[in-house]
Amino acid sequence: MIKIRVDLLNTETNELRLDYTPDFEYDNLDDVIFIWSEHNFGCDCNRSLFFYNWDKERTLGCNSGDNIIKIKIYDMETSRIVYSEY
């Protein structure tokens, strides 16, 4: 099982959230990259929930723009970057 850490960057405000660690693990790196880049966690509405600690008043809408929240994903075991958008 793979445990990850995600750094998130709001490109509109230049706010950076370091060290978001999901409570779940993944089976493989392909699953990690898919869910965070093309699936549910690839959308600004979901990424902003993680970024703002589930503060619904601060989260972005699904149609807020083209990837305002950029991410960098690390494999916690190796500390290696496995996916980066910035």
Protein backbone atom coordinates (compact mmCIF):
# COMPACT_ATOMS: atom_id res chain seq x y z
CA MET A 1 0.00 0.00 0.00
CA ILE A 2 1.19 3.50 -0.83
CA LYS A 3 0.82 6.46 1.50
CA ILE A 4 1.15 9.91 -0.06
CA ARG A 5 1.58 13.55 0.86
CA VAL A 6 0.13 16.31 -1.30
CA ASP A 7 1.24 19.93 -1.49
CA LEU A 8 -1.42 22.24 -2.93
CA LEU A 9 -0.93 25.67 -4.53
CA ASN A 10 -3.75 28.14 -5.19
CA THR A 11 -2.48 29.86 -8.34
CA GLU A 12 -4.87 32.81 -7.97
CA THR A 13 -3.80 33.76 -4.44
CA ASN A 14 -0.35 32.10 -4.34
CA GLU A 15 -1.36 30.41 -1.08
CA LEU A 16 0.48 27.16 -0.48
CA ARG A 17 -0.67 24.28 1.71
CA LEU A 18 2.06 21.83 2.51
CA ASP A 19 1.78 18.36 3.93
CA TYR A 20 -1.82 17.39 3.26
CA THR A 21 -1.83 13.67 4.04
CA PRO A 22 -4.94 11.71 3.03
CA ASP A 23 -6.28 9.26 5.60
CA PHE A 24 -6.27 6.46 3.07
CA GLU A 25 -3.66 4.50 1.16
CA TYR A 26 -3.48 3.50 -2.48
CA ASP A 27 -2.71 0.17 -4.12
CA ASN A 28 -0.26 1.61 -6.65
CA LEU A 29 1.14 4.86 -8.06
CA ASP A 30 -0.99 4.64 -11.20
CA ASP A 31 -4.10 4.87 -9.00
CA VAL A 32 -2.65 7.87 -7.17
CA ILE A 33 -1.88 9.78 -10.34
CA PHE A 34 -5.21 8.91 -11.97
CA ILE A 35 -7.46 9.98 -9.09
CA TRP A 36 -5.53 13.23 -8.49
CA SER A 37 -5.08 14.23 -12.13
CA GLU A 38 -8.07 12.92 -14.08
CA HIS A 39 -10.65 11.67 -11.60
CA ASN A 40 -12.47 13.27 -8.64
CA PHE A 41 -9.46 14.90 -6.99
CA GLY A 42 -8.47 16.57 -10.26
CA CYS A 43 -11.28 19.12 -9.94
CA ASP A 44 -10.84 22.49 -8.20
CA CYS A 45 -13.98 21.92 -6.12
CA ASN A 46 -12.53 18.80 -4.49
CA ARG A 47 -8.96 20.08 -4.29
CA SER A 48 -10.12 23.25 -2.57
CA LEU A 49 -11.90 21.16 0.07
CA PHE A 50 -8.53 19.65 0.99
CA PHE A 51 -6.80 23.02 0.69
CA TYR A 52 -9.20 24.87 3.01
CA ASN A 53 -9.81 22.02 5.47
CA TRP A 54 -13.40 21.42 4.37
CA ASP A 55 -14.41 25.08 4.89
CA LYS A 56 -17.30 25.12 2.41
CA GLU A 57 -17.43 28.93 2.36
CA ARG A 58 -13.91 29.07 0.93
CA THR A 59 -14.09 26.19 -1.52
CA LEU A 60 -14.14 26.74 -5.26
CA GLY A 61 -16.97 25.67 -7.51
CA CYS A 62 -16.61 22.96 -10.12
CA ASN A 63 -16.69 25.57 -12.87
CA SER A 64 -14.28 27.94 -11.13
CA GLY A 65 -11.59 27.69 -13.79
CA ASP A 66 -8.95 25.50 -15.26
CA ASN A 67 -7.02 23.94 -12.41
CA ILE A 68 -6.64 26.89 -10.08
CA ILE A 69 -5.39 24.48 -7.41
CA LYS A 70 -2.16 22.81 -8.59
CA ILE A 71 -0.65 19.85 -6.79
CA LYS A 72 2.59 18.04 -6.12
CA ILE A 73 2.40 14.45 -4.81
CA TYR A 74 5.10 12.67 -2.81
CA ASP A 75 5.47 9.00 -2.00
CA MET A 76 5.81 9.05 1.80
CA GLU A 77 8.06 5.99 1.90
CA THR A 78 10.69 7.38 -0.47
CA SER A 79 9.95 11.14 -0.22
CA ARG A 80 10.09 11.13 -4.02
CA ILE A 81 7.82 13.38 -6.10
CA VAL A 82 5.58 11.06 -8.12
CA TYR A 83 3.42 13.74 -9.79
CA SER A 84 3.74 17.50 -10.14
CA GLU A 85 1.73 20.28 -11.77
CA TYR A 86 4.00 23.08 -10.59
